[in-house]
């Protein structure tokens, strides 16, 4: 490819390369680092991309393709009164880098009421279980995976479940035009354990606090979530 006139014209700067997985093009990245990369995140941890390979002035962050079906306005309306789970997470419980927070959260929250955290599985059954859980929940936990981002964020959005992001230095798709503060809660990793544990073990018995989370906070995000999920949802052609 690099021998082609079209490439040599700008050393690939006008070429677009889908690098939507931490291992994509890993062995040849040094040859294509001047091209426009389509990424799931910037991975500021440095675990997957070397310094100078990715930066916002050159590259584009895209949303993940959701792993669950789109819950449209009618679906959200029908499921809203059935969302009995306060906080839900289903996925791999052991991850590297920033994703190590998952196992810590599981250990501390496994006995909390109204909170469901469980190991996920691949395949049709795993998808169905995740989709069912998200549609029964008000808030969906979206901790970092091996990279700062997680497909679960977009699964939550298209399920009408308010994402609770636990990840540091996360860049999100189209942040220049979308205000994510309107549709999700973001908690820094270092603070997440203290905040969630404090809520789970000291506040669940307080009906006023439970009402505040289930009604007061959730209503703040629901309307904006409906507007944003249509923008972020896309599928393979």
C-alpha atoms as a PDB file:
ATOM      1  CA  UNK A   1       0.000   0.000   0.000  1.00  0.00           C
ATOM      2  CA  UNK A   2       2.765   2.428   0.877  1.00  0.00           C
ATOM      3  CA  UNK A   3       4.197   2.038  -2.644  1.00  0.00           C
ATOM      4  CA  UNK A   4       1.066   3.422  -4.256  1.00  0.00           C
ATOM      5  CA  UNK A   5       1.075   7.001  -5.670  1.00  0.00           C
ATOM      6  CA  UNK A   6      -2.037   7.865  -3.670  1.00  0.00           C
ATOM      7  CA  UNK A   7      -0.179   7.000  -0.462  1.00  0.00           C
ATOM      8  CA  UNK A   8       3.059   8.701  -1.391  1.00  0.00           C
ATOM      9  CA  UNK A   9       1.226  11.906  -2.245  1.00  0.00           C
ATOM     10  CA  UNK A  10       0.814  12.703   1.476  1.00  0.00           C
ATOM     11  CA  UNK A  11       2.535   9.784   3.192  1.00  0.00           C
ATOM     12  CA  UNK A  12      -0.922   8.395   3.961  1.00  0.00           C
ATOM     13  CA  UNK A  13      -2.261  11.480   5.738  1.00  0.00           C
ATOM     14  CA  UNK A  14      -5.442  11.422   3.624  1.00  0.00           C
ATOM     15  CA  UNK A  15      -6.034   7.701   4.229  1.00  0.00           C
ATOM     16  CA  UNK A  16      -8.490   6.367   6.819  1.00  0.00           C
ATOM     17  CA  UNK A  17      -7.668   3.146   8.675  1.00  0.00           C
ATOM     18  CA  UNK A  18     -10.121   1.322  11.024  1.00  0.00           C
ATOM     19  CA  UNK A  19      -8.099   0.539  14.155  1.00  0.00           C
ATOM     20  CA  UNK A  20     -11.142  -0.284  16.273  1.00  0.00           C
ATOM     21  CA  UNK A  21      -9.454  -2.935  18.373  1.00  0.00           C
ATOM     22  CA  UNK A  22      -6.333  -2.635  20.556  1.00  0.00           C
ATOM     23  CA  UNK A  23      -4.576  -5.255  18.421  1.00  0.00           C
ATOM     24  CA  UNK A  24      -5.633  -3.998  14.982  1.00  0.00           C
ATOM     25  CA  UNK A  25      -2.673  -3.439  12.618  1.00  0.00           C
ATOM     26  CA  UNK A  26      -0.352  -3.775  15.604  1.00  0.00           C
ATOM     27  CA  UNK A  27       2.620  -5.111  13.625  1.00  0.00           C
ATOM     28  CA  UNK A  28       2.497  -2.328  11.004  1.00  0.00           C
ATOM     29  CA  UNK A  29       1.405   0.697  13.022  1.00  0.00           C
ATOM     30  CA  UNK A  30       4.759   2.384  12.694  1.00  0.00           C
ATOM     31  CA  UNK A  31       4.193   2.532   8.918  1.00  0.00           C
ATOM     32  CA  UNK A  32       0.660   3.961   9.077  1.00  0.00           C
ATOM     33  CA  UNK A  33       0.935   6.331  12.041  1.00  0.00           C
ATOM     34  CA  UNK A  34       0.320   9.409   9.859  1.00  0.00           C
ATOM     35  CA  UNK A  35      -3.037   8.149   8.577  1.00  0.00           C
ATOM     36  CA  UNK A  36      -6.402   8.953  10.140  1.00  0.00           C
ATOM     37  CA  UNK A  37      -7.258   6.174  12.572  1.00  0.00           C
ATOM     38  CA  UNK A  38     -10.827   5.246  13.529  1.00  0.00           C
ATOM     39  CA  UNK A  39     -10.592   4.332  17.217  1.00  0.00           C
ATOM     40  CA  UNK A  40     -12.745   3.201  20.157  1.00  0.00           C
ATOM     41  CA  UNK A  41     -10.720   5.494  22.463  1.00  0.00           C
ATOM     42  CA  UNK A  42      -7.354   7.210  22.787  1.00  0.00           C
ATOM     43  CA  UNK A  43      -6.092   4.756  25.437  1.00  0.00           C
ATOM     44  CA  UNK A  44      -4.092   7.340  27.344  1.00  0.00           C
ATOM     45  CA  UNK A  45      -2.734   4.537  29.553  1.00  0.00           C
ATOM     46  CA  UNK A  46      -0.132   3.777  26.875  1.00  0.00           C
ATOM     47  CA  UNK A  47      -0.800   0.053  27.101  1.00  0.00           C
ATOM     48  CA  UNK A  48      -1.962  -0.338  23.499  1.00  0.00           C
ATOM     49  CA  UNK A  49      -0.738   2.645  21.471  1.00  0.00           C
ATOM     50  CA  UNK A  50       2.733   4.106  21.558  1.00  0.00           C
ATOM     51  CA  UNK A  51       3.251   7.857  22.133  1.00  0.00           C
ATOM     52  CA  UNK A  52       2.652   9.833  18.969  1.00  0.00           C
ATOM     53  CA  UNK A  53       0.553   7.175  17.253  1.00  0.00           C
ATOM     54  CA  UNK A  54      -2.872   8.530  18.238  1.00  0.00           C
ATOM     55  CA  UNK A  55      -4.110  12.021  19.066  1.00  0.00           C
ATOM     56  CA  UNK A  56      -7.375  13.923  18.742  1.00  0.00           C
ATOM     57  CA  UNK A  57      -6.120  16.388  16.120  1.00  0.00           C
ATOM     58  CA  UNK A  58      -5.607  13.496  13.680  1.00  0.00           C
ATOM     59  CA  UNK A  59      -7.872  10.604  14.643  1.00  0.00           C
ATOM     60  CA  UNK A  60     -11.599   9.981  15.084  1.00  0.00           C
ATOM     61  CA  UNK A  61     -13.272   8.145  17.978  1.00  0.00           C
ATOM     62  CA  UNK A  62     -16.316   6.078  16.983  1.00  0.00           C
ATOM     63  CA  UNK A  63     -18.903   4.334  19.155  1.00  0.00           C
ATOM     64  CA  UNK A  64     -18.911   0.579  19.453  1.00  0.00           C
ATOM     65  CA  UNK A  65     -21.596  -1.379  17.611  1.00  0.00           C
ATOM     66  CA  UNK A  66     -24.076  -2.296  20.382  1.00  0.00           C
ATOM     67  CA  UNK A  67     -24.214  -5.951  21.369  1.00  0.00           C
ATOM     68  CA  UNK A  68     -27.884  -5.701  22.321  1.00  0.00           C
ATOM     69  CA  UNK A  69     -31.029  -4.755  20.430  1.00  0.00           C
ATOM     70  CA  UNK A  70     -32.170  -1.134  20.279  1.00  0.00           C
ATOM     71  CA  UNK A  71     -34.861  -0.333  22.841  1.00  0.00           C
ATOM     72  CA  UNK A  72     -36.886   2.320  21.002  1.00  0.00           C
ATOM     73  CA  UNK A  73     -39.177   4.929  22.567  1.00  0.00           C
ATOM     74  CA  UNK A  74     -42.070   2.474  22.856  1.00  0.00           C
ATOM     75  CA  UNK A  75     -39.789  -0.119  24.434  1.00  0.00           C
ATOM     76  CA  UNK A  76     -38.410   2.400  26.943  1.00  0.00           C
ATOM     77  CA  UNK A  77     -41.937   3.516  27.858  1.00  0.00           C
ATOM     78  CA  UNK A  78     -43.046  -0.076  28.416  1.00  0.00           C
ATOM     79  CA  UNK A  79     -39.997  -1.046  30.487  1.00  0.00           C
ATOM     80  CA  UNK A  80     -39.632   2.102  32.588  1.00  0.00           C
ATOM     81  CA  UNK A  81     -42.024   0.995  35.328  1.00  0.00           C
ATOM     82  CA  UNK A  82     -40.407  -2.470  35.391  1.00  0.00           C
ATOM     83  CA  UNK A  83     -36.875  -1.228  36.106  1.00  0.00           C
ATOM     84  CA  UNK A  84     -36.573  -2.682  39.598  1.00  0.00           C
ATOM     85  CA  UNK A  85     -32.762  -3.039  39.597  1.00  0.00           C
ATOM     86  CA  UNK A  86     -30.928   0.077  40.733  1.00  0.00           C
ATOM     87  CA  UNK A  87     -27.467  -0.751  39.324  1.00  0.00           C
ATOM     88  CA  UNK A  88     -26.586  -3.538  36.847  1.00  0.00           C
ATOM     89  CA  UNK A  89     -23.410  -5.001  35.407  1.00  0.00           C
ATOM     90  CA  UNK A  90     -22.893  -8.165  33.392  1.00  0.00           C
ATOM     91  CA  UNK A  91     -19.535  -8.837  31.767  1.00  0.00           C
ATOM     92  CA  UNK A  92     -16.025 -10.090  32.302  1.00  0.00           C
ATOM     93  CA  UNK A  93     -15.117  -9.493  35.920  1.00  0.00           C
ATOM     94  CA  UNK A  94     -11.354  -9.732  35.467  1.00  0.00           C
ATOM     95  CA  UNK A  95      -9.584  -7.315  33.152  1.00  0.00           C
ATOM     96  CA  UNK A  96      -6.153  -5.730  32.829  1.00  0.00           C
ATOM     97  CA  UNK A  97      -5.010  -2.109  33.233  1.00  0.00           C
ATOM     98  CA  UNK A  98      -7.893   0.193  34.241  1.00  0.00           C
ATOM     99  CA  UNK A  99     -10.276  -2.756  34.068  1.00  0.00           C
ATOM    100  CA  UNK A 100      -8.887  -4.111  37.347  1.00  0.00           C
ATOM    101  CA  UNK A 101     -11.463  -1.910  39.068  1.00  0.00           C
ATOM    102  CA  UNK A 102     -14.091  -4.487  38.056  1.00  0.00           C
ATOM    103  CA  UNK A 103     -12.935  -7.176  40.475  1.00  0.00           C
ATOM    104  CA  UNK A 104     -12.678  -4.626  43.283  1.00  0.00           C
ATOM    105  CA  UNK A 105     -16.248  -3.453  42.702  1.00  0.00           C
ATOM    106  CA  UNK A 106     -17.527  -7.026  42.598  1.00  0.00           C
ATOM    107  CA  UNK A 107     -15.881  -7.845  45.908  1.00  0.00           C
ATOM    108  CA  UNK A 108     -17.362  -4.833  47.649  1.00  0.00           C
ATOM    109  CA  UNK A 109     -20.838  -4.741  46.100  1.00  0.00           C
ATOM    110  CA  UNK A 110     -21.715  -8.424  45.743  1.00  0.00           C
ATOM    111  CA  UNK A 111     -23.950  -8.405  48.836  1.00  0.00           C
ATOM    112  CA  UNK A 112     -25.686  -5.071  48.232  1.00  0.00           C
ATOM    113  CA  UNK A 113     -29.426  -4.968  47.650  1.00  0.00           C
ATOM    114  CA  UNK A 114     -30.854  -3.664  44.373  1.00  0.00           C
ATOM    115  CA  UNK A 115     -27.446  -4.118  42.726  1.00  0.00           C
ATOM    116  CA  UNK A 116     -26.725  -6.944  40.272  1.00  0.00           C
ATOM    117  CA  UNK A 117     -23.114  -7.671  39.252  1.00  0.00           C
ATOM    118  CA  UNK A 118     -22.465 -10.946  37.461  1.00  0.00           C
ATOM    119  CA  UNK A 119     -20.021 -12.700  35.161  1.00  0.00           C
ATOM    120  CA  UNK A 120     -20.980 -12.403  31.508  1.00  0.00           C
ATOM    121  CA  UNK A 121     -20.768 -14.923  28.696  1.00  0.00           C
ATOM    122  CA  UNK A 122     -20.561 -14.806  24.919  1.00  0.00           C
ATOM    123  CA  UNK A 123     -23.185 -16.062  22.494  1.00  0.00           C
ATOM    124  CA  UNK A 124     -26.937 -15.681  22.184  1.00  0.00           C
ATOM    125  CA  UNK A 125     -27.668 -16.564  25.808  1.00  0.00           C
ATOM    126  CA  UNK A 126     -25.160 -14.046  27.096  1.00  0.00           C
ATOM    127  CA  UNK A 127     -26.595 -11.324  24.884  1.00  0.00           C
ATOM    128  CA  UNK A 128     -30.146 -12.107  25.992  1.00  0.00           C
ATOM    129  CA  UNK A 129     -29.172 -12.033  29.673  1.00  0.00           C
ATOM    130  CA  UNK A 130     -27.351  -8.711  29.303  1.00  0.00           C
ATOM    131  CA  UNK A 131     -30.211  -7.159  27.341  1.00  0.00           C
ATOM    132  CA  UNK A 132     -32.812  -8.348  29.838  1.00  0.00           C
ATOM    133  CA  UNK A 133     -30.777  -7.047  32.769  1.00  0.00           C
ATOM    134  CA  UNK A 134     -30.226  -3.628  31.223  1.00  0.00           C
ATOM    135  CA  UNK A 135     -33.910  -3.230  30.394  1.00  0.00           C
ATOM    136  CA  UNK A 136     -34.786  -3.969  34.016  1.00  0.00           C
ATOM    137  CA  UNK A 137     -32.280  -1.493  35.434  1.00  0.00           C
ATOM    138  CA  UNK A 138     -32.162   2.246  36.006  1.00  0.00           C
ATOM    139  CA  UNK A 139     -28.365   2.536  36.055  1.00  0.00           C
ATOM    140  CA  UNK A 140     -25.823   0.372  34.216  1.00  0.00           C
ATOM    141  CA  UNK A 141     -22.254   0.184  35.426  1.00  0.00           C
ATOM    142  CA  UNK A 142     -19.698   0.816  32.674  1.00  0.00           C
ATOM    143  CA  UNK A 143     -16.209   0.335  34.119  1.00  0.00           C
ATOM    144  CA  UNK A 144     -13.069   0.389  32.010  1.00  0.00           C
ATOM    145  CA  UNK A 145     -12.030  -2.805  30.249  1.00  0.00           C
ATOM    146  CA  UNK A 146      -8.547  -3.567  28.953  1.00  0.00           C
ATOM    147  CA  UNK A 147      -8.713  -0.029  27.521  1.00  0.00           C
ATOM    148  CA  UNK A 148     -10.440   3.015  29.071  1.00  0.00           C
ATOM    149  CA  UNK A 149     -13.592   2.446  26.972  1.00  0.00           C
ATOM    150  CA  UNK A 150     -16.149  -0.334  27.002  1.00  0.00           C
ATOM    151  CA  UNK A 151     -18.848  -1.426  24.540  1.00  0.00           C
ATOM    152  CA  UNK A 152     -21.136  -1.658  27.553  1.00  0.00           C
ATOM    153  CA  UNK A 153     -21.560   2.113  27.569  1.00  0.00           C
ATOM    154  CA  UNK A 154     -23.330   1.988  24.211  1.00  0.00           C
ATOM    155  CA  UNK A 155     -25.278  -1.136  25.139  1.00  0.00           C
ATOM    156  CA  UNK A 156     -26.639   0.810  28.108  1.00  0.00           C
ATOM    157  CA  UNK A 157     -27.547   3.865  26.037  1.00  0.00           C
ATOM    158  CA  UNK A 158     -29.538   1.908  23.429  1.00  0.00           C
ATOM    159  CA  UNK A 159     -31.222  -0.023  26.272  1.00  0.00           C
ATOM    160  CA  UNK A 160     -32.513   3.127  27.946  1.00  0.00           C
ATOM    161  CA  UNK A 161     -30.305   2.444  30.989  1.00  0.00           C
ATOM    162  CA  UNK A 162     -28.354   5.373  32.442  1.00  0.00           C
ATOM    163  CA  UNK A 163     -24.601   4.616  32.193  1.00  0.00           C
ATOM    164  CA  UNK A 164     -22.368   5.020  35.237  1.00  0.00           C
ATOM    165  CA  UNK A 165     -18.870   5.322  33.762  1.00  0.00           C
ATOM    166  CA  UNK A 166     -15.913   4.372  35.926  1.00  0.00           C
ATOM    167  CA  UNK A 167     -12.833   5.127  33.884  1.00  0.00           C
ATOM    168  CA  UNK A 168      -9.996   7.634  33.923  1.00  0.00           C
ATOM    169  CA  UNK A 169      -8.934   9.800  30.974  1.00  0.00           C
ATOM    170  CA  UNK A 170     -11.735   8.535  28.734  1.00  0.00           C
ATOM    171  CA  UNK A 171     -12.386  10.224  25.383  1.00  0.00           C
ATOM    172  CA  UNK A 172     -15.889   9.625  24.011  1.00  0.00           C
ATOM    173  CA  UNK A 173     -17.225   9.718  20.420  1.00  0.00           C
ATOM    174  CA  UNK A 174     -18.298  13.108  19.052  1.00  0.00           C
ATOM    175  CA  UNK A 175     -17.634  14.951  22.319  1.00  0.00           C
ATOM    176  CA  UNK A 176     -17.424  18.186  20.372  1.00  0.00           C
ATOM    177  CA  UNK A 177     -21.159  18.062  19.598  1.00  0.00           C
ATOM    178  CA  UNK A 178     -22.606  15.720  22.253  1.00  0.00           C
ATOM    179  CA  UNK A 179     -22.762  16.644  25.925  1.00  0.00           C
ATOM    180  CA  UNK A 180     -22.413  13.320  27.710  1.00  0.00           C
ATOM    181  CA  UNK A 181     -23.032  14.969  31.066  1.00  0.00           C
ATOM    182  CA  UNK A 182     -26.705  14.992  30.122  1.00  0.00           C
ATOM    183  CA  UNK A 183     -26.971  11.205  29.799  1.00  0.00           C
ATOM    184  CA  UNK A 184     -24.435   9.556  32.099  1.00  0.00           C
ATOM    185  CA  UNK A 185     -22.645   9.793  35.413  1.00  0.00           C
ATOM    186  CA  UNK A 186     -18.831   9.730  35.381  1.00  0.00           C
ATOM    187  CA  UNK A 187     -16.911   8.630  38.466  1.00  0.00           C
ATOM    188  CA  UNK A 188     -13.124   8.651  38.723  1.00  0.00           C
ATOM    189  CA  UNK A 189     -11.682   5.208  39.453  1.00  0.00           C
ATOM    190  CA  UNK A 190     -10.013   6.248  42.709  1.00  0.00           C
ATOM    191  CA  UNK A 191     -13.295   7.631  44.049  1.00  0.00           C
ATOM    192  CA  UNK A 192     -15.637   4.936  42.726  1.00  0.00           C
ATOM    193  CA  UNK A 193     -15.024   2.336  45.429  1.00  0.00           C
ATOM    194  CA  UNK A 194     -15.671   4.806  48.244  1.00  0.00           C
ATOM    195  CA  UNK A 195     -18.759   6.318  46.635  1.00  0.00           C
ATOM    196  CA  UNK A 196     -20.501   3.093  45.626  1.00  0.00           C
ATOM    197  CA  UNK A 197     -19.670   1.229  48.829  1.00  0.00           C
ATOM    198  CA  UNK A 198     -20.852   4.136  50.945  1.00  0.00           C
ATOM    199  CA  UNK A 199     -24.133   4.156  49.074  1.00  0.00           C
ATOM    200  CA  UNK A 200     -24.597   0.384  49.028  1.00  0.00           C
ATOM    201  CA  UNK A 201     -23.991  -0.256  52.714  1.00  0.00           C
ATOM    202  CA  UNK A 202     -25.097   2.892  54.487  1.00  0.00           C
ATOM    203  CA  UNK A 203     -27.887   4.307  52.334  1.00  0.00           C
ATOM    204  CA  UNK A 204     -29.948   1.442  50.939  1.00  0.00           C
ATOM    205  CA  UNK A 205     -31.985   1.270  54.122  1.00  0.00           C
ATOM    206  CA  UNK A 206     -32.796   4.962  53.841  1.00  0.00           C
ATOM    207  CA  UNK A 207     -35.926   5.202  51.697  1.00  0.00           C
ATOM    208  CA  UNK A 208     -35.340   8.901  51.020  1.00  0.00           C
ATOM    209  CA  UNK A 209     -31.895   8.240  49.534  1.00  0.00           C
ATOM    210  CA  UNK A 210     -33.215   5.326  47.471  1.00  0.00           C
ATOM    211  CA  UNK A 211     -35.996   7.518  46.135  1.00  0.00           C
ATOM    212  CA  UNK A 212     -33.451  10.205  45.264  1.00  0.00           C
ATOM    213  CA  UNK A 213     -31.421   7.800  43.132  1.00  0.00           C
ATOM    214  CA  UNK A 214     -34.360   5.986  41.561  1.00  0.00           C
ATOM    215  CA  UNK A 215     -36.499   9.026  40.804  1.00  0.00           C
ATOM    216  CA  UNK A 216     -34.628  12.259  41.393  1.00  0.00           C
ATOM    217  CA  UNK A 217     -31.421  11.418  39.527  1.00  0.00           C
ATOM    218  CA  UNK A 218     -32.845   9.037  36.919  1.00  0.00           C
ATOM    219  CA  UNK A 219     -35.430  11.517  35.634  1.00  0.00           C
ATOM    220  CA  UNK A 220     -32.617  14.011  35.077  1.00  0.00           C
ATOM    221  CA  UNK A 221     -31.072  11.738  32.440  1.00  0.00           C
ATOM    222  CA  UNK A 222     -33.946   9.778  30.857  1.00  0.00           C
ATOM    223  CA  UNK A 223     -35.149  12.462  28.433  1.00  0.00           C
ATOM    224  CA  UNK A 224     -31.660  13.328  27.167  1.00  0.00           C
ATOM    225  CA  UNK A 225     -30.814   9.636  26.848  1.00  0.00           C
ATOM    226  CA  UNK A 226     -33.619   9.136  24.354  1.00  0.00           C
ATOM    227  CA  UNK A 227     -32.292  11.897  22.111  1.00  0.00           C
ATOM    228  CA  UNK A 228     -28.697  10.674  22.153  1.00  0.00           C
ATOM    229  CA  UNK A 229     -29.166   6.944  21.616  1.00  0.00           C
ATOM    230  CA  UNK A 230     -30.477   7.397  18.082  1.00  0.00           C
ATOM    231  CA  UNK A 231     -27.304   9.297  17.189  1.00  0.00           C
ATOM    232  CA  UNK A 232     -24.939   6.700  18.602  1.00  0.00           C
ATOM    233  CA  UNK A 233     -26.651   3.575  17.306  1.00  0.00           C
ATOM    234  CA  UNK A 234     -25.363   2.109  14.082  1.00  0.00           C
ATOM    235  CA  UNK A 235     -24.930  -1.363  12.638  1.00  0.00           C
ATOM    236  CA  UNK A 236     -22.746  -3.155  10.161  1.00  0.00           C
ATOM    237  CA  UNK A 237     -23.889  -2.551   6.547  1.00  0.00           C
END
